[in-house]
Protein backbone atom coordinates (compact mmCIF):
# COMPACT_ATOMS: atom_id res chain seq x y z
CA UNK A 1 -7.53 1.01 -16.20
CA UNK A 2 -4.51 2.54 -14.44
CA UNK A 3 -2.02 4.47 -16.55
CA UNK A 4 0.62 7.16 -16.30
CA UNK A 5 -0.88 10.65 -16.35
CA UNK A 6 -0.46 12.82 -19.44
CA UNK A 7 -0.52 16.55 -20.03
CA UNK A 8 -4.05 16.38 -21.42
CA UNK A 9 -5.24 15.02 -18.03
CA UNK A 10 -4.61 18.40 -16.40
CA UNK A 11 -8.25 19.50 -16.07
CA UNK A 12 -9.35 16.15 -14.65
CA UNK A 13 -6.42 16.16 -12.21
CA UNK A 14 -7.27 19.68 -11.07
CA UNK A 15 -10.86 18.61 -10.41
CA UNK A 16 -9.71 15.63 -8.34
CA UNK A 17 -7.12 17.62 -6.39
CA UNK A 18 -9.76 20.27 -5.59
CA UNK A 19 -11.94 17.51 -4.12
CA UNK A 20 -8.99 16.34 -2.05
CA UNK A 21 -8.15 19.87 -0.95
CA UNK A 22 -11.71 20.55 0.26
CA UNK A 23 -11.74 17.23 2.11
CA UNK A 24 -8.40 17.94 3.80
CA UNK A 25 -9.40 21.50 4.65
CA UNK A 26 -12.49 20.14 6.41
CA UNK A 27 -10.40 17.59 8.31
CA UNK A 28 -7.60 19.98 9.27
CA UNK A 29 -8.76 23.59 8.90
CA UNK A 30 -5.89 24.87 11.04
CA UNK A 31 -3.38 23.39 8.59
CA UNK A 32 -4.97 23.18 5.13
CA UNK A 33 -6.27 26.26 3.32
CA UNK A 34 -9.07 25.63 0.84
CA UNK A 35 -8.09 26.67 -2.66
CA UNK A 36 -8.73 25.92 -6.30
CA UNK A 37 -5.08 26.57 -7.18
CA UNK A 38 -4.01 22.96 -6.73
CA UNK A 39 -1.91 22.19 -9.83
CA UNK A 40 -0.48 24.35 -12.58
CA UNK A 41 0.34 23.08 -16.05
CA UNK A 42 3.99 23.79 -15.30
CA UNK A 43 3.85 21.72 -12.11
CA UNK A 44 2.23 18.86 -14.00
CA UNK A 45 4.90 19.02 -16.70
CA UNK A 46 7.67 18.94 -14.06
CA UNK A 47 6.11 15.89 -12.38
CA UNK A 48 5.74 14.06 -15.68
CA UNK A 49 9.45 14.40 -16.55
CA UNK A 50 10.79 13.62 -13.05
CA UNK A 51 12.10 10.04 -12.99
CA UNK A 52 11.61 9.85 -9.21
CA UNK A 53 7.97 10.97 -9.34
CA UNK A 54 4.93 9.02 -10.43
CA UNK A 55 1.52 10.38 -11.30
CA UNK A 56 -1.00 7.72 -12.21
CA UNK A 57 -4.65 8.03 -13.15
CA UNK A 58 -7.50 5.57 -12.98
CA UNK A 59 -9.90 5.64 -15.92
CA UNK A 60 -13.42 4.30 -16.06
CA UNK A 61 -15.21 4.52 -19.42
CA UNK A 62 -12.52 6.95 -20.71
CA UNK A 63 -13.06 9.29 -17.75
CA UNK A 64 -10.36 9.97 -15.14
CA UNK A 65 -11.90 8.97 -11.80
CA UNK A 66 -8.83 8.72 -9.57
CA UNK A 67 -5.21 9.71 -9.23
CA UNK A 68 -2.13 8.93 -7.19
CA UNK A 69 0.95 11.13 -6.90
CA UNK A 70 4.03 9.64 -5.32
CA UNK A 71 7.79 9.53 -5.42
CA UNK A 72 10.84 7.54 -4.46
CA UNK A 73 13.15 8.83 -1.74
CA UNK A 74 16.73 7.72 -1.26
CA UNK A 75 18.06 8.24 2.28
CA UNK A 76 21.83 8.21 2.64
CA UNK A 77 23.62 6.56 5.52
CA UNK A 78 24.34 8.89 8.43
CA UNK A 79 25.53 8.18 11.93
CA UNK A 80 21.93 7.94 13.10
CA UNK A 81 20.12 6.55 10.06
CA UNK A 82 20.49 3.46 7.97
CA UNK A 83 20.52 3.94 4.21
CA UNK A 84 17.23 3.10 2.60
CA UNK A 85 15.06 3.69 -0.41
CA UNK A 86 11.33 4.10 0.15
CA UNK A 87 8.37 5.32 -1.83
CA UNK A 88 5.95 7.95 -0.59
CA UNK A 89 2.36 8.59 -1.61
CA UNK A 90 1.83 12.34 -1.56
CA UNK A 91 -1.74 12.37 -2.79
CA UNK A 92 -4.39 9.84 -3.61
CA UNK A 93 -7.93 10.76 -4.50
CA UNK A 94 -10.86 8.94 -6.03
CA UNK A 95 -13.94 10.76 -7.32
CA UNK A 96 -16.76 10.40 -4.76
CA UNK A 97 -19.13 8.73 -7.23
CA UNK A 98 -16.63 5.92 -7.89
CA UNK A 99 -15.43 5.22 -4.36
CA UNK A 100 -15.66 1.76 -2.78
CA UNK A 101 -14.99 0.08 -6.13
CA UNK A 102 -11.34 -0.84 -5.55
CA UNK A 103 -9.88 2.09 -7.47
CA UNK A 104 -7.62 3.25 -4.62
CA UNK A 105 -6.32 -0.30 -4.20
CA UNK A 106 -5.56 -0.55 -7.92
CA UNK A 107 -3.76 2.80 -7.88
CA UNK A 108 -1.67 1.76 -4.87
CA UNK A 109 -0.86 -1.64 -6.40
CA UNK A 110 0.28 0.06 -9.61
CA UNK A 111 2.39 2.49 -7.59
CA UNK A 112 3.92 -0.39 -5.62
CA UNK A 113 5.05 -2.06 -8.85
CA UNK A 114 6.58 1.19 -10.07
CA UNK A 115 8.29 1.77 -6.71
CA UNK A 116 9.62 -1.80 -6.57
CA UNK A 117 11.19 -1.28 -10.00
CA UNK A 118 12.89 1.82 -8.55
CA UNK A 119 14.33 -0.37 -5.73
CA UNK A 120 12.07 1.04 -3.01
CA UNK A 121 11.51 -1.36 -0.12
CA UNK A 122 8.37 0.21 1.36
CA UNK A 123 5.45 2.52 0.63
CA UNK A 124 4.73 5.26 3.13
CA UNK A 125 2.06 7.93 3.42
CA UNK A 126 0.52 10.33 5.91
CA UNK A 127 -3.16 10.39 6.79
CA UNK A 128 -5.13 12.71 9.07
CA UNK A 129 -6.06 10.81 12.25
CA UNK A 130 -9.71 11.86 11.88
CA UNK A 131 -9.95 10.44 8.33
CA UNK A 132 -11.46 7.12 9.42
CA UNK A 133 -12.51 6.02 5.91
CA UNK A 134 -8.99 6.47 4.53
CA UNK A 135 -7.43 4.74 7.54
CA UNK A 136 -9.72 1.72 7.05
CA UNK A 137 -8.95 1.66 3.34
CA UNK A 138 -5.19 1.77 3.93
CA UNK A 139 -5.40 -0.89 6.65
CA UNK A 140 -7.17 -3.22 4.19
CA UNK A 141 -4.20 -2.72 1.86
CA UNK A 142 -1.75 -3.74 4.58
CA UNK A 143 -0.57 -0.35 5.83
CA UNK A 144 0.26 -0.18 9.53
CA UNK A 145 0.78 2.74 11.87
CA UNK A 146 4.51 3.40 11.97
CA UNK A 147 4.80 6.78 13.61
CA UNK A 148 2.69 9.46 15.27
CA UNK A 149 3.12 13.15 14.57
CA UNK A 150 2.33 15.20 17.65
CA UNK A 151 1.56 18.90 17.62
CA UNK A 152 0.95 21.52 20.29
CA UNK A 153 -0.47 24.99 19.71
CA UNK A 154 1.48 27.70 21.49
CA UNK A 155 -0.36 30.88 20.50
């Protein structure tokens, strides 16, 4: 079952975000610092009351096994950009023991419905280029490569 997160989900969310943080720190150690300080109660409360943010959880047998944090972004018209409204997935994580069961797809589908109701016309996300499992998963859901972020060390 996919549902909106609640305050009492805080401990389960922290556990999932720690898993994600460790994974990202292994993929990009020059960018991501490993930490257990991934979500405060105050941050959770702020997310839960923000109309432009969505935090969903996936439950299996009354246990939170996945989460998706996203938001809707409204871009105003400028000389160089067209106005648009898009949704952005900030974080998605599924507990390792429940992966490859369609939980990520269900979370994304639920988020898409929420974003569509907010008038978003697309879903966007970033993924580390060396995260092959996530890239395959997102490709199966219909995501395509839209842009490359290039970086050069200068130290």
